[in-house]
Amino acid sequence: MKKLQASQFLYPLILGFSCLLLLIFSHPGIAAKRTLIVAVEPVYPPFEFQTANGELQGFDVDLIREVGKAADFDVQFQSLPFDGIIPALQAGTVDTAVSAMTITPARSQVVSFSRPYFKAGLAIAVRTGTTGINSLDDLKGKKIAVQIGTTGAQTAKKIPDATIRTFDAAVLALQELSNGNVDAVINDAPVTLYAINTGNLKRVQIVGQLLTEEFYGIPTALNSPNLKLINQGLTTILENGTYERIYRKWFNADPPQLPDTAFDKTNDTAPATAASPLKVILDALPSLLAGAVITLQLAAISTLFGMIAGSLIGIARLSKVLLVRWAARAYIDFFRGTPLLVQIFMIYFGIPAVLKELQIDFSFDRFLAAVVALSLNSAAYIGEIVRAGIQSIDFGQSEAAQSLGLDSVQTMRYIIFPQAFRRMLPPLGNEFITLLKDTSLVAVIGFEELFRRGQLIVAENYRPFELYTAVALVYLVLTLLSSQAFSFLERWMDPVRHQSTKS
């Protein structure tokens, strides 16, 4: 009887407690907020950048956080390069972005923009003391640096006979100007002014008037349900004074009046019919093949110089002089222990900047800088291949050569190295193929090899899957052909095969 009474009391208690929990967690005020993944490119001060301790700051960062508060959603930032933001929105890997992105008719066909949140414009930046450049007409036949995928890049393309160098970030384009490698940079005026006023960018000034009047918007995927939420938050902060407070914080000025739309959509032409994937690839193929030729040139020349330097380093690793061995080992450890991308930046941007601080006027040709960086890096790996190949030859070969009266140099040249080279061919083939793919890294200094050609086309048509698939296939063909060439060389140098052919 007692057990029955206990169960009659316990079951209603559990049921009531469960209902209470259900009511609590289903209440609108208790439910978890929606979280939007927001893409940013944190190398674009004052709109978005990282502080010394890694904290994300900037006008755009403050803006989207306040928009989230007003529209009741949380923000999770994800760092992306500028030219990768629209493809990421199309793929659905991010929900929206704040990256000082100008609202244009072309972009509005592939993503949906919020109402404008910032009024800006393009400006021409030159080195301090430059004369004769005040407008776009003055840039005819000049060297111009731009950030890939921006309206500045689009504007520069319209300048007759201009040489355009594209970079992944505006800060690199401005550094290219500061180093004296280009005549001008076309970039968003607020970003360039901020860099100049903070003292982080030296020997650069803005000339002339603003070239354009542009408006930034917050992009989302086409017809995204998040767009209404973002517009709601933007409208709220524009009306309650929050936007004015943020604008004054970063620009110390009154914000300009912003329109409801960036351009008159009633005058837009109908969006063009999307081309088939095959047509996109075929249209891009001539440009990609031209880039592939440059890629092969870079790989071949760098491998040649890497072989020469690597052979000397490999022999130095076997030297009886302790200091020579240590120097060779230090070289190998440095270039194998640091990323090739960092080495390219150090050589192309770092060395000229340091020399200019010492009042030495010096600049690197892009092709030369790319070859130097790839060769120095390759030499470290080839040096170890050469050392291992030489040590694989039986010591008796050296003793036999000495008994014939050959000195150490002649022994290495005529006896040891030819035998070791045949054994080095497989790892040397692997190194060449690795170097062939690593040439894509020189795109960061604006060199238009195969990968950069693909990036430039994607920045035009926003078809990343087809274009990068085509780029990957071209690389695959190059590596397969290279592999076959080294296999043929191995068979040709095989003494056993030559003996069987003679017999």
Protein backbone atom coordinates (compact mmCIF):
# COMPACT_ATOMS: atom_id res chain seq x y z
CA MET A 1 0.00 0.00 0.00
CA LYS A 2 2.88 2.39 0.78
CA LYS A 3 4.62 1.57 -2.54
CA LEU A 4 1.46 2.41 -4.46
CA GLN A 5 1.09 5.77 -2.72
CA ALA A 6 4.75 6.66 -3.41
CA SER A 7 4.42 5.91 -7.11
CA GLN A 8 1.19 7.90 -7.32
CA PHE A 9 3.07 10.90 -5.88
CA LEU A 10 6.34 10.47 -7.84
CA TYR A 11 4.93 10.18 -11.39
CA PRO A 12 2.94 13.46 -11.32
CA LEU A 13 6.00 15.21 -9.85
CA ILE A 14 8.28 14.07 -12.71
CA LEU A 15 5.65 14.97 -15.29
CA GLY A 16 5.14 18.43 -13.83
CA PHE A 17 8.88 19.10 -13.66
CA SER A 18 9.31 18.07 -17.31
CA CYS A 19 6.53 20.38 -18.41
CA LEU A 20 8.15 23.25 -16.49
CA LEU A 21 11.50 22.71 -18.23
CA LEU A 22 9.73 22.57 -21.59
CA LEU A 23 7.99 25.89 -20.92
CA ILE A 24 11.22 27.54 -19.79
CA PHE A 25 13.33 26.56 -22.80
CA SER A 26 10.56 27.20 -25.32
CA HIS A 27 9.98 30.75 -24.04
CA PRO A 28 11.04 33.38 -26.63
CA GLY A 29 13.15 35.29 -24.16
CA ILE A 30 15.05 32.17 -23.11
CA ALA A 31 15.59 30.61 -26.53
CA ALA A 32 19.09 30.82 -27.98
CA LYS A 33 19.74 33.74 -30.31
CA ARG A 34 20.37 33.20 -33.98
CA THR A 35 24.09 33.37 -34.80
CA LEU A 36 25.30 34.70 -38.16
CA ILE A 37 28.73 33.76 -39.48
CA VAL A 38 30.25 37.01 -40.75
CA ALA A 39 33.20 37.03 -43.14
CA VAL A 40 35.85 39.73 -42.68
CA GLU A 41 39.25 40.48 -44.16
CA PRO A 42 41.16 41.77 -41.10
CA VAL A 43 43.86 43.62 -43.07
CA TYR A 44 41.81 46.66 -44.08
CA PRO A 45 42.07 49.35 -41.41
CA PRO A 46 40.14 51.29 -40.28
CA PHE A 47 37.25 49.05 -41.36
CA GLU A 48 38.55 45.73 -40.07
CA PHE A 49 41.91 44.80 -38.61
CA GLN A 50 43.54 42.97 -35.72
CA THR A 51 45.29 44.65 -32.82
CA ALA A 52 48.66 43.50 -31.50
CA ASN A 53 46.95 41.09 -29.10
CA GLY A 54 44.82 39.57 -31.88
CA GLU A 55 41.57 41.39 -31.09
CA LEU A 56 39.35 42.16 -34.08
CA GLN A 57 38.53 45.87 -34.36
CA GLY A 58 37.36 48.45 -36.89
CA PHE A 59 34.39 50.43 -38.12
CA ASP A 60 32.80 47.42 -39.84
CA VAL A 61 33.34 45.24 -36.78
CA ASP A 62 31.65 47.74 -34.45
CA LEU A 63 28.87 48.26 -36.98
CA ILE A 64 27.87 44.61 -37.42
CA ARG A 65 27.99 44.02 -33.67
CA GLU A 66 25.58 46.91 -33.12
CA VAL A 67 23.40 45.70 -35.99
CA GLY A 68 23.30 42.31 -34.29
CA LYS A 69 22.23 43.85 -30.99
CA ALA A 70 19.49 45.87 -32.69
CA ALA A 71 18.19 42.90 -34.71
CA ASP A 72 18.73 40.36 -31.90
CA PHE A 73 21.34 38.07 -33.44
CA ASP A 74 24.87 37.09 -32.41
CA VAL A 75 27.93 37.51 -34.61
CA GLN A 76 30.67 34.95 -35.26
CA PHE A 77 33.54 36.30 -37.37
CA GLN A 78 35.40 34.24 -39.95
CA SER A 79 38.53 35.58 -41.66
CA LEU A 80 38.55 35.34 -45.47
CA PRO A 81 40.46 37.07 -48.29
CA PHE A 82 38.39 39.70 -50.06
CA ASP A 83 38.21 37.82 -53.37
CA GLY A 84 36.95 34.73 -51.52
CA ILE A 85 34.00 36.40 -49.77
CA ILE A 86 31.47 36.29 -52.62
CA PRO A 87 32.28 32.62 -53.46
CA ALA A 88 31.86 31.81 -49.74
CA LEU A 89 28.45 33.53 -49.69
CA GLN A 90 27.43 31.63 -52.82
CA ALA A 91 28.54 28.35 -51.26
CA GLY A 92 26.72 29.10 -47.99
CA THR A 93 29.84 28.71 -45.83
CA VAL A 94 29.21 32.19 -44.35
CA ASP A 95 25.93 34.03 -43.79
CA THR A 96 27.07 37.58 -44.50
CA ALA A 97 30.17 39.77 -44.60
CA VAL A 98 31.49 43.18 -43.58
CA SER A 99 34.50 44.02 -45.69
CA ALA A 100 34.02 47.54 -47.10
CA MET A 101 32.43 45.96 -50.18
CA THR A 102 31.13 48.42 -52.75
CA ILE A 103 27.60 47.83 -54.02
CA THR A 104 27.80 47.39 -57.81
CA PRO A 105 25.30 46.14 -60.40
CA ALA A 106 27.59 43.21 -61.29
CA ARG A 107 27.91 42.06 -57.68
CA SER A 108 24.19 42.58 -57.10
CA GLN A 109 23.53 39.85 -59.66
CA VAL A 110 25.30 37.20 -57.58
CA VAL A 111 24.70 38.41 -53.98
CA SER A 112 22.05 40.50 -52.22
CA PHE A 113 23.18 43.73 -50.52
CA SER A 114 21.76 45.53 -47.52
CA ARG A 115 20.93 49.21 -47.69
CA PRO A 116 24.12 51.35 -47.97
CA TYR A 117 25.99 51.84 -44.69
CA PHE A 118 29.01 53.91 -45.81
CA LYS A 119 29.76 56.55 -48.43
CA ALA A 120 33.25 56.36 -49.92
CA GLY A 121 35.16 56.78 -53.15
CA LEU A 122 38.34 55.80 -54.96
CA ALA A 123 41.48 57.91 -54.78
CA ILE A 124 44.89 57.88 -56.44
CA ALA A 125 47.89 57.45 -54.14
CA VAL A 126 51.45 58.21 -55.29
CA ARG A 127 54.85 58.45 -53.68
CA THR A 128 55.58 61.73 -51.93
CA GLY A 129 57.10 64.23 -54.34
CA THR A 130 55.63 62.66 -57.48
CA THR A 131 54.52 65.22 -60.05
CA GLY A 132 52.36 64.91 -63.15
CA ILE A 133 49.79 62.50 -61.69
CA ASN A 134 46.50 64.04 -60.58
CA SER A 135 43.80 62.14 -62.50
CA LEU A 136 43.08 58.87 -64.29
CA ASP A 137 44.23 60.39 -67.60
CA ASP A 138 47.67 60.94 -66.08
CA LEU A 139 47.97 57.19 -65.38
CA LYS A 140 48.11 56.20 -69.06
CA GLY A 141 51.06 53.89 -69.58
CA LYS A 142 51.91 53.85 -65.85
CA LYS A 143 52.37 50.96 -63.44
CA ILE A 144 49.39 50.71 -61.08
CA ALA A 145 48.89 48.47 -58.04
CA VAL A 146 45.39 47.42 -56.94
CA GLN A 147 43.69 44.90 -54.69
CA ILE A 148 42.24 41.98 -56.59
CA GLY A 149 38.48 41.93 -57.06
CA THR A 150 37.89 45.56 -56.02
CA THR A 151 36.31 48.49 -57.85
CA GLY A 152 39.80 49.99 -57.90
CA ALA A 153 40.96 47.03 -59.99
CA GLN A 154 37.99 47.49 -62.33
CA THR A 155 38.77 51.18 -62.74
CA ALA A 156 42.47 50.52 -63.42
CA LYS A 157 41.62 48.08 -66.21
CA LYS A 158 40.00 50.91 -68.19
CA ILE A 159 43.20 53.00 -68.24
CA PRO A 160 44.94 52.72 -71.66
CA ASP A 161 48.36 51.05 -71.77
CA ALA A 162 48.55 50.80 -67.98
CA THR A 163 50.44 47.89 -66.38
CA ILE A 164 48.25 46.49 -63.59
CA ARG A 165 49.67 44.60 -60.63
CA THR A 166 47.12 42.86 -58.43
CA PHE A 167 47.60 41.99 -54.77
CA ASP A 168 45.54 40.03 -52.26
CA ALA A 169 45.32 42.95 -49.83
CA ALA A 170 45.33 46.75 -50.11
CA VAL A 171 48.21 46.96 -47.63
CA LEU A 172 50.42 45.00 -50.06
CA ALA A 173 49.48 47.26 -52.97
CA LEU A 174 50.37 50.32 -50.88
CA GLN A 175 53.65 48.72 -49.78
CA GLU A 176 54.45 48.10 -53.44
CA LEU A 177 54.00 51.82 -54.01
CA SER A 178 56.07 52.74 -50.96
CA ASN A 179 58.91 50.51 -52.23
CA GLY A 180 58.84 52.35 -55.57
CA ASN A 181 57.82 49.38 -57.73
CA VAL A 182 54.71 51.11 -59.16
CA ASP A 183 53.73 54.66 -60.02
CA ALA A 184 50.36 54.75 -58.27
CA VAL A 185 47.71 52.84 -56.32
CA ILE A 186 43.97 53.12 -56.92
CA ASN A 187 42.26 52.31 -53.65
CA ASP A 188 39.43 53.36 -51.32
CA ALA A 189 40.24 56.84 -50.02
CA PRO A 190 39.36 56.22 -46.32
CA VAL A 191 41.72 53.23 -46.12
CA THR A 192 44.64 55.04 -47.74
CA LEU A 193 44.11 58.16 -45.61
CA TYR A 194 44.01 56.08 -42.44
CA ALA A 195 47.30 54.37 -43.34
CA ILE A 196 48.93 57.73 -44.04
CA ASN A 197 47.56 59.51 -40.96
CA THR A 198 48.57 56.74 -38.55
CA GLY A 199 52.14 56.91 -39.81
CA ASN A 200 52.15 53.24 -40.79
CA LEU A 201 52.60 54.12 -44.47
CA LYS A 202 55.52 56.36 -45.33
CA ARG A 203 56.46 58.22 -48.52
CA VAL A 204 52.85 58.08 -49.84
CA GLN A 205 50.25 60.80 -50.45
CA ILE A 206 46.81 61.12 -52.04
CA VAL A 207 46.49 63.39 -55.07
CA GLY A 208 43.54 64.95 -56.90
CA GLN A 209 39.87 64.56 -56.08
CA LEU A 210 37.87 61.39 -55.41
CA LEU A 211 37.46 59.45 -58.63
CA THR A 212 34.07 57.96 -57.77
CA GLU A 213 31.20 58.12 -55.31
CA GLU A 214 30.57 54.65 -53.92
CA PHE A 215 28.50 53.05 -51.20
CA TYR A 216 29.39 50.03 -49.11
CA GLY A 217 26.79 47.39 -48.32
CA ILE A 218 26.55 44.21 -46.26
CA PRO A 219 26.33 41.27 -48.71
CA THR A 220 24.38 38.05 -48.20
CA ALA A 221 23.57 35.14 -50.47
CA LEU A 222 20.96 35.93 -53.12
CA ASN A 223 17.52 36.34 -51.54
CA SER A 224 18.85 35.32 -48.14
CA PRO A 225 16.32 35.46 -45.26
CA ASN A 226 19.08 37.14 -43.22
CA LEU A 227 18.90 40.26 -45.39
CA LYS A 228 15.67 41.50 -43.83
CA LEU A 229 17.14 41.01 -40.35
CA ILE A 230 20.31 42.95 -41.26
CA ASN A 231 18.38 45.82 -42.85
CA GLN A 232 16.19 46.00 -39.78
CA GLY A 233 19.23 46.35 -37.53
CA LEU A 234 20.91 48.88 -39.82
CA THR A 235 17.82 51.06 -39.93
CA THR A 236 17.56 50.97 -36.16
CA ILE A 237 21.15 52.10 -35.50
CA LEU A 238 20.92 54.78 -38.20
CA GLU A 239 17.86 56.24 -36.47
CA ASN A 240 18.84 55.94 -32.80
CA GLY A 241 22.25 57.65 -33.08
CA THR A 242 24.39 54.52 -32.71
CA TYR A 243 25.71 54.78 -36.28
CA GLU A 244 26.76 58.40 -35.71
CA ARG A 245 28.64 57.42 -32.56
CA ILE A 246 30.56 54.66 -34.38
CA TYR A 247 31.36 56.94 -37.33
CA ARG A 248 32.73 59.68 -35.03
CA LYS A 249 34.83 57.12 -33.17
CA TRP A 250 36.70 56.03 -36.31
CA PHE A 251 36.63 59.12 -38.55
CA ASN A 252 36.19 62.03 -36.11
CA ALA A 253 33.59 63.65 -38.38
CA ASP A 254 29.85 63.85 -38.94
CA PRO A 255 28.52 60.97 -41.03
CA PRO A 256 27.14 61.85 -44.48
CA GLN A 257 23.53 61.25 -45.47
CA LEU A 258 23.02 57.74 -46.82
CA PRO A 259 20.44 56.83 -49.48
CA ASP A 260 18.09 53.87 -49.17
CA THR A 261 19.66 52.25 -52.26
CA ALA A 262 23.06 52.58 -53.91
CA PHE A 263 21.74 52.93 -57.47
CA ASP A 264 18.48 53.03 -59.40
CA LYS A 265 17.57 49.40 -59.91
CA THR A 266 14.81 50.26 -62.38
CA ASN A 267 17.47 51.14 -64.95
CA ASP A 268 19.43 47.91 -64.50
CA THR A 269 19.68 45.59 -67.43
CA ALA A 270 18.41 42.08 -66.97
CA PRO A 271 21.02 39.71 -65.55
CA ALA A 272 22.92 37.82 -68.21
CA THR A 273 22.12 34.16 -68.71
CA ALA A 274 24.62 32.04 -66.79
CA ALA A 275 27.13 30.35 -69.08
CA SER A 276 27.52 26.60 -68.91
CA PRO A 277 30.48 25.26 -66.86
CA LEU A 278 32.16 23.96 -70.03
CA LYS A 279 31.93 27.37 -71.72
CA VAL A 280 33.35 29.09 -68.61
CA ILE A 281 36.35 26.73 -68.68
CA LEU A 282 36.89 27.01 -72.45
CA ASP A 283 36.73 30.81 -72.32
CA ALA A 284 39.31 30.87 -69.54
CA LEU A 285 41.62 28.27 -71.07
CA PRO A 286 43.78 30.61 -73.23
CA SER A 287 44.56 32.82 -70.23
CA LEU A 288 45.23 29.80 -68.00
CA LEU A 289 47.58 28.23 -70.56
CA ALA A 290 49.50 31.50 -70.81
CA GLY A 291 49.84 31.40 -67.02
CA ALA A 292 50.96 27.76 -67.22
CA VAL A 293 53.85 28.78 -69.49
CA ILE A 294 55.00 31.29 -66.87
CA THR A 295 54.62 28.64 -64.17
CA LEU A 296 56.86 26.24 -66.13
CA GLN A 297 59.43 28.97 -66.70
CA LEU A 298 59.54 29.80 -63.00
CA ALA A 299 59.83 26.13 -61.99
CA ALA A 300 62.51 25.29 -64.58
CA ILE A 301 64.72 28.32 -63.91
CA SER A 302 64.36 28.01 -60.13
CA THR A 303 65.16 24.29 -60.23
CA LEU A 304 68.26 24.98 -62.33
CA PHE A 305 69.61 27.57 -59.90
CA GLY A 306 68.46 25.43 -56.99
CA MET A 307 70.42 22.49 -58.40
CA ILE A 308 73.60 24.56 -58.68
CA ALA A 309 73.29 26.05 -55.20
CA GLY A 310 71.96 22.81 -53.69
CA SER A 311 74.88 20.79 -55.06
CA LEU A 312 77.37 23.17 -53.49
CA ILE A 313 75.44 23.13 -50.20
CA GLY A 314 75.22 19.32 -50.23
CA ILE A 315 78.97 19.03 -50.78
CA ALA A 316 79.58 21.64 -48.06
CA ARG A 317 77.56 19.47 -45.67
CA LEU A 318 80.23 16.78 -46.16
CA SER A 319 83.17 19.15 -45.74
CA LYS A 320 85.87 18.35 -43.24
CA VAL A 321 85.87 22.02 -42.17
CA LEU A 322 83.52 22.36 -39.20
CA LEU A 323 82.55 25.99 -39.93
CA VAL A 324 81.59 25.16 -43.53
CA ARG A 325 79.43 22.23 -42.35
CA TRP A 326 77.70 24.40 -39.75
CA ALA A 327 77.03 27.19 -42.28
CA ALA A 328 75.49 24.72 -44.74
CA ARG A 329 73.40 23.15 -41.98
CA ALA A 330 72.19 26.58 -40.80
CA TYR A 331 71.13 27.48 -44.35
CA ILE A 332 69.19 24.24 -44.75
CA ASP A 333 67.52 24.55 -41.35
CA PHE A 334 66.39 28.13 -42.03
CA PHE A 335 64.92 27.60 -45.48
CA ARG A 336 63.34 24.26 -44.63
CA GLY A 337 62.10 25.49 -41.25
CA THR A 338 60.31 28.64 -42.44
CA PRO A 339 57.33 28.82 -44.83
CA LEU A 340 58.10 29.65 -48.46
CA LEU A 341 55.34 32.27 -48.36
CA VAL A 342 57.15 34.13 -45.57
CA GLN A 343 60.42 33.94 -47.51
CA ILE A 344 58.74 35.49 -50.58
CA PHE A 345 57.40 38.36 -48.45
CA MET A 346 60.80 38.89 -46.81
CA ILE A 347 62.61 39.03 -50.14
CA TYR A 348 60.16 41.08 -52.20
CA PHE A 349 58.67 43.45 -49.61
CA GLY A 350 61.03 43.25 -46.64
CA ILE A 351 64.49 43.72 -48.15
CA PRO A 352 63.60 46.86 -50.21
CA ALA A 353 61.77 48.39 -47.23
CA VAL A 354 64.76 47.88 -44.94
CA LEU A 355 67.21 49.27 -47.51
CA LYS A 356 65.04 52.34 -48.08
CA GLU A 357 65.10 52.99 -44.33
CA LEU A 358 68.90 53.02 -44.72
CA GLN A 359 68.53 55.58 -47.55
CA ILE A 360 69.45 52.97 -50.19
CA ASP A 361 67.11 53.12 -53.18
CA PHE A 362 66.47 49.51 -54.17
CA SER A 363 63.56 47.57 -55.61
CA PHE A 364 63.10 43.99 -56.80
CA ASP A 365 61.81 42.96 -60.21
CA ARG A 366 58.91 40.58 -59.55
CA PHE A 367 60.22 37.80 -61.77
CA LEU A 368 63.70 38.06 -60.26
CA ALA A 369 62.28 38.10 -56.71
CA ALA A 370 60.15 35.02 -57.46
CA VAL A 371 63.13 33.13 -58.93
CA VAL A 372 65.40 34.10 -56.02
CA ALA A 373 62.86 33.00 -53.39
CA LEU A 374 62.02 29.70 -55.12
CA SER A 375 65.69 28.93 -55.86
CA LEU A 376 66.87 29.61 -52.32
CA ASN A 377 64.10 27.46 -50.89
CA SER A 378 64.65 24.66 -53.39
CA ALA A 379 68.43 24.68 -52.79
CA ALA A 380 67.88 23.72 -49.14
CA TYR A 381 65.97 20.57 -50.09
CA ILE A 382 68.23 19.72 -53.03
CA GLY A 383 71.25 20.12 -50.75
CA GLU A 384 70.03 17.28 -48.56
CA ILE A 385 69.20 15.17 -51.64
CA VAL A 386 72.75 15.71 -52.95
CA ARG A 387 74.31 14.89 -49.57
CA ALA A 388 72.33 11.66 -49.29
CA GLY A 389 73.13 10.73 -52.90
CA ILE A 390 76.87 11.22 -52.42
CA GLN A 391 76.91 9.28 -49.15
CA SER A 392 75.09 6.39 -50.86
CA ILE A 393 78.15 5.72 -53.10
CA ASP A 394 80.50 3.13 -51.68
CA PHE A 395 83.68 4.60 -50.19
CA GLY A 396 85.72 2.18 -52.24
CA GLN A 397 84.95 4.26 -55.32
CA SER A 398 86.88 7.16 -53.81
CA GLU A 399 89.80 4.95 -52.85
CA ALA A 400 89.94 3.53 -56.38
CA ALA A 401 89.93 7.02 -57.87
CA GLN A 402 92.76 8.12 -55.59
CA SER A 403 94.80 5.06 -56.57
CA LEU A 404 94.45 6.23 -60.19
CA GLY A 405 95.93 9.60 -59.26
CA LEU A 406 92.71 11.66 -59.23
CA ASP A 407 92.46 14.45 -56.68
CA SER A 408 89.34 15.03 -54.55
CA VAL A 409 87.74 17.48 -57.03
CA GLN A 410 88.30 15.14 -59.98
CA THR A 411 87.01 12.21 -57.97
CA MET A 412 83.82 14.07 -57.13
CA ARG A 413 83.37 15.34 -60.69
CA TYR A 414 84.12 12.19 -62.68
CA ILE A 415 83.45 9.30 -60.31
CA ILE A 416 81.17 10.05 -57.37
CA PHE A 417 78.73 12.69 -58.62
CA PRO A 418 77.72 10.99 -61.92
CA GLN A 419 76.80 7.80 -60.02
CA ALA A 420 75.09 9.72 -57.24
CA PHE A 421 73.10 11.84 -59.70
CA ARG A 422 71.34 8.78 -61.10
CA ARG A 423 70.24 7.84 -57.59
CA MET A 424 69.14 11.42 -56.94
CA LEU A 425 66.77 11.54 -59.92
CA PRO A 426 63.61 10.23 -58.17
CA PRO A 427 63.79 12.70 -55.24
CA LEU A 428 64.85 15.48 -57.64
CA GLY A 429 61.75 14.73 -59.72
CA ASN A 430 59.61 15.02 -56.58
CA GLU A 431 61.28 18.32 -55.72
CA PHE A 432 60.60 19.72 -59.21
CA ILE A 433 56.92 18.74 -59.01
CA THR A 434 56.66 20.29 -55.54
CA LEU A 435 58.30 23.46 -56.82
CA LEU A 436 55.95 23.50 -59.81
CA LYS A 437 52.98 23.67 -57.44
CA ASP A 438 54.71 26.07 -55.06
CA THR A 439 54.97 28.67 -57.84
CA SER A 440 51.34 29.48 -57.02
CA LEU A 441 52.60 31.25 -53.90
CA VAL A 442 54.25 34.02 -55.93
CA ALA A 443 50.72 35.24 -56.70
CA VAL A 444 50.97 37.18 -53.42
CA ILE A 445 53.47 39.58 -55.03
CA GLY A 446 51.16 40.15 -58.00
CA PHE A 447 52.90 37.74 -60.35
CA GLU A 448 50.39 36.45 -62.90
CA GLU A 449 51.25 32.76 -63.15
CA LEU A 450 48.66 30.01 -63.53
CA PHE A 451 46.94 30.33 -60.14
CA ARG A 452 46.81 34.15 -60.28
CA ARG A 453 45.24 34.02 -63.75
CA GLY A 454 42.49 31.86 -62.28
CA GLN A 455 41.98 34.28 -59.39
CA LEU A 456 41.66 37.24 -61.74
CA ILE A 457 39.02 35.48 -63.84
CA VAL A 458 37.04 34.47 -60.73
CA ALA A 459 37.09 38.11 -59.61
CA GLU A 460 35.36 38.93 -62.92
CA ASN A 461 32.73 36.21 -63.30
CA TYR A 462 32.27 34.81 -59.76
CA ARG A 463 32.44 31.21 -61.00
CA PRO A 464 35.02 29.76 -58.56
CA PHE A 465 34.18 26.06 -58.87
CA GLU A 466 34.60 25.86 -62.64
CA LEU A 467 37.68 28.10 -62.73
CA TYR A 468 39.58 26.45 -59.88
CA THR A 469 38.70 23.03 -61.28
CA ALA A 470 40.26 24.12 -64.58
CA VAL A 471 43.34 25.46 -62.74
CA ALA A 472 43.68 22.16 -60.85
CA LEU A 473 43.45 20.17 -64.11
CA VAL A 474 46.16 22.28 -65.75
CA TYR A 475 48.42 21.73 -62.73
CA LEU A 476 47.65 18.00 -62.92
CA VAL A 477 48.65 17.87 -66.59
CA LEU A 478 51.89 19.74 -65.85
CA THR A 479 52.82 17.43 -62.98
CA LEU A 480 51.98 14.27 -64.97
CA LEU A 481 54.11 15.43 -67.90
CA SER A 482 56.95 16.32 -65.53
CA SER A 483 56.70 12.92 -63.85
CA GLN A 484 56.87 11.17 -67.23
CA ALA A 485 59.88 13.27 -68.26
CA PHE A 486 61.82 12.28 -65.11
CA SER A 487 60.83 8.63 -65.54
CA PHE A 488 62.20 8.73 -69.10
CA LEU A 489 65.42 10.33 -67.82
CA GLU A 490 65.80 7.59 -65.20
CA ARG A 491 65.40 4.86 -67.83
CA TRP A 492 67.81 6.63 -70.19
CA MET A 493 70.48 6.85 -67.48
CA ASP A 494 70.01 3.24 -66.31
CA PRO A 495 73.28 1.37 -67.14
CA VAL A 496 71.58 -2.03 -66.86
CA ARG A 497 69.13 -1.05 -69.60
CA HIS A 498 71.97 0.07 -71.88
CA GLN A 499 73.80 -3.26 -71.37
CA SER A 500 70.66 -5.28 -72.18
CA THR A 501 70.11 -3.17 -75.32
CA LYS A 502 73.66 -3.80 -76.56
CA SER A 503 73.42 -7.52 -75.90
